Amino acid sequence: MARALVARPTPFFVDVEEGRTYTWCACGRSANQPFCDGSHADTGIEPVAYTAPLSRRVLFCGCKASKKAPICDGSHNRL
């Protein structure tokens, strides 16, 4: 399995809509960060589905090291 790449060392601030599902890029290779564009093919890393419980701003992990993926947990501060 390939290692995830750091897409950027800070989170992505995204306004999400209640009930909508977003597919977060876990591999760091997507050109459509923080969302998946299929670039994970043959990496062994799968994207993570996130269904918004509320309409609000969410911090999606950019460093791909969050233990609460796809939500940022501050792991970028320890890179």
PDB file of N, CA and C in Angstrom:
ATOM      1  N   MET A   1       0.846  -1.187   0.000  1.00  0.00           N
ATOM      2  CA  MET A   1       0.000   0.000   0.000  1.00  0.00           C
ATOM      3  C   MET A   1       0.885   1.240   0.000  1.00  0.00           C
ATOM      4  N   ALA A   2       0.516   2.219  -0.791  1.00  0.00           N
ATOM      5  CA  ALA A   2       1.234   3.487  -0.863  1.00  0.00           C
ATOM      6  C   ALA A   2       0.947   4.330   0.371  1.00  0.00           C
ATOM      7  N   ARG A   3       1.800   5.277   0.621  1.00  0.00           N
ATOM      8  CA  ARG A   3       1.582   6.216   1.724  1.00  0.00           C
ATOM      9  C   ARG A   3       0.790   7.406   1.218  1.00  0.00           C
ATOM     10  N   ALA A   4      -0.012   7.972   2.103  1.00  0.00           N
ATOM     11  CA  ALA A   4      -0.762   9.180   1.752  1.00  0.00           C
ATOM     12  C   ALA A   4       0.209  10.348   1.621  1.00  0.00           C
ATOM     13  N   LEU A   5      -0.053  11.200   0.651  1.00  0.00           N
ATOM     14  CA  LEU A   5       0.735  12.414   0.463  1.00  0.00           C
ATOM     15  C   LEU A   5       0.079  13.567   1.199  1.00  0.00           C
ATOM     16  N   VAL A   6       0.869  14.493   1.690  1.00  0.00           N
ATOM     17  CA  VAL A   6       0.322  15.697   2.315  1.00  0.00           C
ATOM     18  C   VAL A   6      -0.163  16.599   1.185  1.00  0.00           C
ATOM     19  N   ALA A   7      -1.469  16.826   1.108  1.00  0.00           N
ATOM     20  CA  ALA A   7      -2.017  17.694   0.073  1.00  0.00           C
ATOM     21  C   ALA A   7      -1.665  19.152   0.390  1.00  0.00           C
ATOM     22  N   ARG A   8      -1.764  19.484   1.665  1.00  0.00           N
ATOM     23  CA  ARG A   8      -1.301  20.780   2.177  1.00  0.00           C
ATOM     24  C   ARG A   8      -1.227  20.669   3.690  1.00  0.00           C
ATOM     25  N   PRO A   9      -0.380  21.468   4.319  1.00  0.00           N
ATOM     26  CA  PRO A   9      -0.139  21.311   5.753  1.00  0.00           C
ATOM     27  C   PRO A   9      -1.174  21.987   6.656  1.00  0.00           C
ATOM     28  N   THR A  10      -2.271  22.430   6.080  1.00  0.00           N
ATOM     29  CA  THR A  10      -3.345  23.055   6.852  1.00  0.00           C
ATOM     30  C   THR A  10      -4.685  22.496   6.369  1.00  0.00           C
ATOM     31  N   PRO A  11      -5.743  22.635   7.174  1.00  0.00           N
ATOM     32  CA  PRO A  11      -7.039  22.086   6.762  1.00  0.00           C
ATOM     33  C   PRO A  11      -7.700  22.908   5.654  1.00  0.00           C
ATOM     34  N   PHE A  12      -8.675  22.282   5.016  1.00  0.00           N
ATOM     35  CA  PHE A  12      -9.516  22.935   4.017  1.00  0.00           C
ATOM     36  C   PHE A  12     -10.823  23.333   4.697  1.00  0.00           C
ATOM     37  N   PHE A  13     -11.191  24.593   4.635  1.00  0.00           N
ATOM     38  CA  PHE A  13     -12.448  25.078   5.194  1.00  0.00           C
ATOM     39  C   PHE A  13     -13.509  24.941   4.100  1.00  0.00           C
ATOM     40  N   VAL A  14     -14.537  24.135   4.367  1.00  0.00           N
ATOM     41  CA  VAL A  14     -15.561  23.867   3.360  1.00  0.00           C
ATOM     42  C   VAL A  14     -16.934  24.052   3.997  1.00  0.00           C
ATOM     43  N   ASP A  15     -17.803  24.801   3.309  1.00  0.00           N
ATOM     44  CA  ASP A  15     -19.192  24.929   3.736  1.00  0.00           C
ATOM     45  C   ASP A  15     -19.954  23.728   3.192  1.00  0.00           C
ATOM     46  N   VAL A  16     -20.500  22.900   4.080  1.00  0.00           N
ATOM     47  CA  VAL A  16     -21.217  21.689   3.684  1.00  0.00           C
ATOM     48  C   VAL A  16     -22.712  21.875   3.891  1.00  0.00           C
ATOM     49  N   GLU A  17     -23.491  21.071   3.166  1.00  0.00           N
ATOM     50  CA  GLU A  17     -24.942  21.118   3.251  1.00  0.00           C
ATOM     51  C   GLU A  17     -25.468  19.889   3.981  1.00  0.00           C
ATOM     52  N   GLU A  18     -26.378  20.111   4.920  1.00  0.00           N
ATOM     53  CA  GLU A  18     -26.973  19.021   5.693  1.00  0.00           C
ATOM     54  C   GLU A  18     -27.501  17.915   4.778  1.00  0.00           C
ATOM     55  N   GLY A  19     -27.134  16.679   5.089  1.00  0.00           N
ATOM     56  CA  GLY A  19     -27.611  15.513   4.366  1.00  0.00           C
ATOM     57  C   GLY A  19     -26.817  15.173   3.107  1.00  0.00           C
ATOM     58  N   ARG A  20     -25.970  16.067   2.644  1.00  0.00           N
ATOM     59  CA  ARG A  20     -25.179  15.803   1.435  1.00  0.00           C
ATOM     60  C   ARG A  20     -23.941  14.987   1.810  1.00  0.00           C
ATOM     61  N   THR A  21     -23.565  14.051   0.939  1.00  0.00           N
ATOM     62  CA  THR A  21     -22.384  13.229   1.174  1.00  0.00           C
ATOM     63  C   THR A  21     -21.228  13.740   0.335  1.00  0.00           C
ATOM     64  N   TYR A  22     -20.077  13.879   0.976  1.00  0.00           N
ATOM     65  CA  TYR A  22     -18.850  14.355   0.347  1.00  0.00           C
ATOM     66  C   TYR A  22     -17.835  13.217   0.411  1.00  0.00           C
ATOM     67  N   THR A  23     -17.023  13.079  -0.621  1.00  0.00           N
ATOM     68  CA  THR A  23     -16.025  12.015  -0.663  1.00  0.00           C
ATOM     69  C   THR A  23     -14.648  12.643  -0.521  1.00  0.00           C
ATOM     70  N   TRP A  24     -14.077  12.493   0.661  1.00  0.00           N
ATOM     71  CA  TRP A  24     -12.798  13.100   1.018  1.00  0.00           C
ATOM     72  C   TRP A  24     -11.639  12.263   0.482  1.00  0.00           C
ATOM     73  N   CYS A  25     -10.681  12.926  -0.129  1.00  0.00           N
ATOM     74  CA  CYS A  25      -9.480  12.268  -0.642  1.00  0.00           C
ATOM     75  C   CYS A  25      -8.582  11.896   0.538  1.00  0.00           C
ATOM     76  N   ALA A  26      -8.305  10.613   0.678  1.00  0.00           N
ATOM     77  CA  ALA A  26      -7.443  10.137   1.758  1.00  0.00           C
ATOM     78  C   ALA A  26      -5.997   9.935   1.297  1.00  0.00           C
ATOM     79  N   CYS A  27      -5.787   9.887  -0.026  1.00  0.00           N
ATOM     80  CA  CYS A  27      -4.449   9.582  -0.537  1.00  0.00           C
ATOM     81  C   CYS A  27      -3.583  10.818  -0.757  1.00  0.00           C
ATOM     82  N   GLY A  28      -4.215  11.986  -0.891  1.00  0.00           N
ATOM     83  CA  GLY A  28      -3.477  13.222  -1.109  1.00  0.00           C
ATOM     84  C   GLY A  28      -3.127  13.487  -2.564  1.00  0.00           C
ATOM     85  N   ARG A  29      -3.557  12.628  -3.477  1.00  0.00           N
ATOM     86  CA  ARG A  29      -3.192  12.755  -4.888  1.00  0.00           C
ATOM     87  C   ARG A  29      -4.224  13.482  -5.743  1.00  0.00           C
ATOM     88  N   SER A  30      -5.419  13.702  -5.231  1.00  0.00           N
ATOM     89  CA  SER A  30      -6.488  14.332  -6.003  1.00  0.00           C
ATOM     90  C   SER A  30      -6.141  15.768  -6.387  1.00  0.00           C
ATOM     91  N   ALA A  31      -6.497  16.142  -7.600  1.00  0.00           N
ATOM     92  CA  ALA A  31      -6.333  17.530  -8.058  1.00  0.00           C
ATOM     93  C   ALA A  31      -7.519  18.367  -7.609  1.00  0.00           C
ATOM     94  N   ASN A  32      -8.515  17.729  -6.991  1.00  0.00           N
ATOM     95  CA  ASN A  32      -9.737  18.392  -6.543  1.00  0.00           C
ATOM     96  C   ASN A  32      -9.816  18.400  -5.012  1.00  0.00           C
ATOM     97  N   GLN A  33      -8.716  18.673  -4.339  1.00  0.00           N
ATOM     98  CA  GLN A  33      -8.655  18.640  -2.874  1.00  0.00           C
ATOM     99  C   GLN A  33      -9.693  19.565  -2.258  1.00  0.00           C
ATOM    100  N   PRO A  34     -10.296  19.151  -1.151  1.00  0.00           N
ATOM    101  CA  PRO A  34     -10.012  17.960  -0.356  1.00  0.00           C
ATOM    102  C   PRO A  34     -10.806  16.734  -0.803  1.00  0.00           C
ATOM    103  N   PHE A  35     -11.412  16.818  -1.982  1.00  0.00           N
ATOM    104  CA  PHE A  35     -12.291  15.744  -2.426  1.00  0.00           C
ATOM    105  C   PHE A  35     -11.618  14.815  -3.428  1.00  0.00           C
ATOM    106  N   CYS A  36     -12.138  13.611  -3.506  1.00  0.00           N
ATOM    107  CA  CYS A  36     -11.579  12.558  -4.351  1.00  0.00           C
ATOM    108  C   CYS A  36     -11.883  12.807  -5.825  1.00  0.00           C
ATOM    109  N   ASP A  37     -10.885  12.538  -6.671  1.00  0.00           N
ATOM    110  CA  ASP A  37     -11.087  12.575  -8.123  1.00  0.00           C
ATOM    111  C   ASP A  37     -10.692  11.250  -8.762  1.00  0.00           C
ATOM    112  N   GLY A  38     -10.491  10.220  -7.932  1.00  0.00           N
ATOM    113  CA  GLY A  38     -10.145   8.897  -8.436  1.00  0.00           C
ATOM    114  C   GLY A  38      -8.656   8.639  -8.555  1.00  0.00           C
ATOM    115  N   SER A  39      -7.828   9.591  -8.168  1.00  0.00           N
ATOM    116  CA  SER A  39      -6.371   9.443  -8.280  1.00  0.00           C
ATOM    117  C   SER A  39      -5.792   8.376  -7.371  1.00  0.00           C
ATOM    118  N   HIS A  40      -6.588   7.840  -6.456  1.00  0.00           N
ATOM    119  CA  HIS A  40      -6.114   6.816  -5.521  1.00  0.00           C
ATOM    120  C   HIS A  40      -5.995   5.434  -6.164  1.00  0.00           C
ATOM    121  N   ALA A  41      -6.426   5.293  -7.408  1.00  0.00           N
ATOM    122  CA  ALA A  41      -6.391   3.986  -8.077  1.00  0.00           C
ATOM    123  C   ALA A  41      -5.016   3.339  -7.932  1.00  0.00           C
ATOM    124  N   ASP A  42      -5.007   2.100  -7.543  1.00  0.00           N
ATOM    125  CA  ASP A  42      -3.787   1.286  -7.373  1.00  0.00           C
ATOM    126  C   ASP A  42      -2.895   1.725  -6.215  1.00  0.00           C
ATOM    127  N   THR A  43      -3.411   2.549  -5.286  1.00  0.00           N
ATOM    128  CA  THR A  43      -2.604   2.952  -4.129  1.00  0.00           C
ATOM    129  C   THR A  43      -2.922   2.107  -2.907  1.00  0.00           C
ATOM    130  N   GLY A  44      -4.101   1.471  -2.900  1.00  0.00           N
ATOM    131  CA  GLY A  44      -4.545   0.739  -1.724  1.00  0.00           C
ATOM    132  C   GLY A  44      -5.175   1.656  -0.689  1.00  0.00           C
ATOM    133  N   ILE A  45      -5.305   2.931  -1.006  1.00  0.00           N
ATOM    134  CA  ILE A  45      -5.914   3.919  -0.110  1.00  0.00           C
ATOM    135  C   ILE A  45      -7.280   4.274  -0.671  1.00  0.00           C
ATOM    136  N   GLU A  46      -8.293   4.176   0.153  1.00  0.00           N
ATOM    137  CA  GLU A  46      -9.652   4.465  -0.290  1.00  0.00           C
ATOM    138  C   GLU A  46     -10.137   5.799   0.264  1.00  0.00           C
ATOM    139  N   PRO A  47     -10.953   6.525  -0.504  1.00  0.00           N
ATOM    140  CA  PRO A  47     -11.521   7.777  -0.011  1.00  0.00           C
ATOM    141  C   PRO A  47     -12.503   7.505   1.131  1.00  0.00           C
ATOM    142  N   VAL A  48     -12.843   8.559   1.857  1.00  0.00           N
ATOM    143  CA  VAL A  48     -13.739   8.445   3.003  1.00  0.00           C
ATOM    144  C   VAL A  48     -14.993   9.265   2.738  1.00  0.00           C
ATOM    145  N   ALA A  49     -16.159   8.630   2.879  1.00  0.00           N
ATOM    146  CA  ALA A  49     -17.432   9.327   2.700  1.00  0.00           C
ATOM    147  C   ALA A  49     -17.781  10.077   3.987  1.00  0.00           C
ATOM    148  N   TYR A  50     -18.244  11.306   3.820  1.00  0.00           N
ATOM    149  CA  TYR A  50     -18.675  12.125   4.952  1.00  0.00           C
ATOM    150  C   TYR A  50     -20.047  12.687   4.613  1.00  0.00           C
ATOM    151  N   THR A  51     -21.046  12.352   5.424  1.00  0.00           N
ATOM    152  CA  THR A  51     -22.383  12.904   5.253  1.00  0.00           C
ATOM    153  C   THR A  51     -22.578  13.976   6.308  1.00  0.00           C
ATOM    154  N   ALA A  52     -22.837  15.186   5.848  1.00  0.00           N
ATOM    155  CA  ALA A  52     -22.955  16.338   6.751  1.00  0.00           C
ATOM    156  C   ALA A  52     -24.203  16.229   7.616  1.00  0.00           C
ATOM    157  N   PRO A  53     -24.018  16.234   8.938  1.00  0.00           N
ATOM    158  CA  PRO A  53     -25.174  16.168   9.825  1.00  0.00           C
ATOM    159  C   PRO A  53     -25.916  17.511   9.895  1.00  0.00           C
ATOM    160  N   LEU A  54     -25.197  18.596   9.599  1.00  0.00           N
ATOM    161  CA  LEU A  54     -25.753  19.955   9.635  1.00  0.00           C
ATOM    162  C   LEU A  54     -25.124  20.770   8.518  1.00  0.00           C
ATOM    163  N   SER A  55     -25.784  21.834   8.116  1.00  0.00           N
ATOM    164  CA  SER A  55     -25.174  22.794   7.200  1.00  0.00           C
ATOM    165  C   SER A  55     -24.287  23.697   8.035  1.00  0.00           C
ATOM    166  N   ARG A  56     -22.998  23.696   7.730  1.00  0.00           N
ATOM    167  CA  ARG A  56     -22.031  24.484   8.497  1.00  0.00           C
ATOM    168  C   ARG A  56     -20.671  24.426   7.810  1.00  0.00           C
ATOM    169  N   ARG A  57     -19.702  25.120   8.364  1.00  0.00           N
ATOM    170  CA  ARG A  57     -18.331  25.063   7.855  1.00  0.00           C
ATOM    171  C   ARG A  57     -17.599  23.932   8.560  1.00  0.00           C
ATOM    172  N   VAL A  58     -16.915  23.113   7.766  1.00  0.00           N
ATOM    173  CA  VAL A  58     -16.179  21.956   8.276  1.00  0.00           C
ATOM    174  C   VAL A  58     -14.719  22.110   7.888  1.00  0.00           C
ATOM    175  N   LEU A  59     -13.822  21.659   8.750  1.00  0.00           N
ATOM    176  CA  LEU A  59     -12.395  21.654   8.444  1.00  0.00           C
ATOM    177  C   LEU A  59     -12.009  20.247   8.029  1.00  0.00           C
ATOM    178  N   PHE A  60     -11.856  20.041   6.706  1.00  0.00           N
ATOM    179  CA  PHE A  60     -11.404  18.756   6.195  1.00  0.00           C
ATOM    180  C   PHE A  60      -9.889  18.699   6.279  1.00  0.00           C
ATOM    181  N   CYS A  61      -9.368  17.568   6.711  1.00  0.00           N
ATOM    182  CA  CYS A  61      -7.928  17.374   6.865  1.00  0.00           C
ATOM    183  C   CYS A  61      -7.214  17.553   5.529  1.00  0.00           C
ATOM    184  N   GLY A  62      -6.130  18.313   5.540  1.00  0.00           N
ATOM    185  CA  GLY A  62      -5.309  18.512   4.352  1.00  0.00           C
ATOM    186  C   GLY A  62      -4.020  17.720   4.395  1.00  0.00           C
ATOM    187  N   CYS A  63      -3.561  17.387   5.610  1.00  0.00           N
ATOM    188  CA  CYS A  63      -2.283  16.680   5.747  1.00  0.00           C
ATOM    189  C   CYS A  63      -2.443  15.167   5.607  1.00  0.00           C
ATOM    190  N   LYS A  64      -3.675  14.685   5.669  1.00  0.00           N
ATOM    191  CA  LYS A  64      -4.028  13.265   5.530  1.00  0.00           C
ATOM    192  C   LYS A  64      -3.546  12.408   6.691  1.00  0.00           C
ATOM    193  N   ALA A  65      -3.262  13.041   7.834  1.00  0.00           N
ATOM    194  CA  ALA A  65      -2.787  12.308   9.008  1.00  0.00           C
ATOM    195  C   ALA A  65      -3.787  12.316  10.162  1.00  0.00           C
ATOM    196  N   SER A  66      -4.943  12.938   9.982  1.00  0.00           N
ATOM    197  CA  SER A  66      -5.928  13.038  11.052  1.00  0.00           C
ATOM    198  C   SER A  66      -6.399  11.661  11.507  1.00  0.00           C
ATOM    199  N   LYS A  67      -6.510  11.492  12.796  1.00  0.00           N
ATOM    200  CA  LYS A  67      -7.045  10.250  13.353  1.00  0.00           C
ATOM    201  C   LYS A  67      -8.574  10.299  13.386  1.00  0.00           C
ATOM    202  N   LYS A  68      -9.148  11.452  13.009  1.00  0.00           N
ATOM    203  CA  LYS A  68     -10.602  11.619  12.940  1.00  0.00           C
ATOM    204  C   LYS A  68     -11.035  11.874  11.495  1.00  0.00           C
ATOM    205  N   ALA A  69     -10.275  11.331  10.549  1.00  0.00           N
ATOM    206  CA  ALA A  69     -10.535  11.566   9.125  1.00  0.00           C
ATOM    207  C   ALA A  69     -12.005  11.341   8.791  1.00  0.00           C
ATOM    208  N   PRO A  70     -12.564  12.224   8.012  1.00  0.00           N
ATOM    209  CA  PRO A  70     -11.925  13.246   7.196  1.00  0.00           C
ATOM    210  C   PRO A  70     -11.787  14.605   7.874  1.00  0.00           C
ATOM    211  N   ILE A  71     -12.192  14.693   9.125  1.00  0.00           N
ATOM    212  CA  ILE A  71     -12.162  15.966   9.838  1.00  0.00           C
ATOM    213  C   ILE A  71     -10.782  16.215  10.437  1.00  0.00           C
ATOM    214  N   CYS A  72     -10.313  17.447  10.347  1.00  0.00           N
ATOM    215  CA  CYS A  72      -9.013  17.820  10.909  1.00  0.00           C
ATOM    216  C   CYS A  72      -9.023  17.649  12.425  1.00  0.00           C
ATOM    217  N   ASP A  73      -7.958  17.046  12.953  1.00  0.00           N
ATOM    218  CA  ASP A  73      -7.808  16.908  14.402  1.00  0.00           C
ATOM    219  C   ASP A  73      -6.545  17.615  14.912  1.00  0.00           C
ATOM    220  N   GLY A  74      -5.934  18.425  14.048  1.00  0.00           N
ATOM    221  CA  GLY A  74      -4.743  19.153  14.440  1.00  0.00           C
ATOM    222  C   GLY A  74      -3.447  18.390  14.198  1.00  0.00           C
ATOM    223  N   SER A  75      -3.524  17.216  13.574  1.00  0.00           N
ATOM    224  CA  SER A  75      -2.325  16.422  13.323  1.00  0.00           C
ATOM    225  C   SER A  75      -1.277  17.166  12.508  1.00  0.00           C
ATOM    226  N   HIS A  76      -1.708  18.134  11.695  1.00  0.00           N
ATOM    227  CA  HIS A  76      -0.762  18.904  10.881  1.00  0.00           C
ATOM    228  C   HIS A  76       0.227  19.672  11.753  1.00  0.00           C
ATOM    229  N   ASN A  77      -0.126  19.925  12.996  1.00  0.00           N
ATOM    230  CA  ASN A  77       0.779  20.639  13.910  1.00  0.00           C
ATOM    231  C   ASN A  77       1.931  19.765  14.372  1.00  0.00           C
ATOM    232  N   ARG A  78       1.858  18.459  14.105  1.00  0.00           N
ATOM    233  CA  ARG A  78       2.909  17.528  14.534  1.00  0.00           C
ATOM    234  C   ARG A  78       3.693  16.951  13.359  1.00  0.00           C
ATOM    235  N   LEU A  79       3.499  17.488  12.167  1.00  0.00           N
ATOM    236  CA  LEU A  79       4.218  16.975  10.998  1.00  0.00           C
ATOM    237  C   LEU A  79       5.656  17.424  11.004  1.00  0.00           C
TER     238      LEU A  79
END
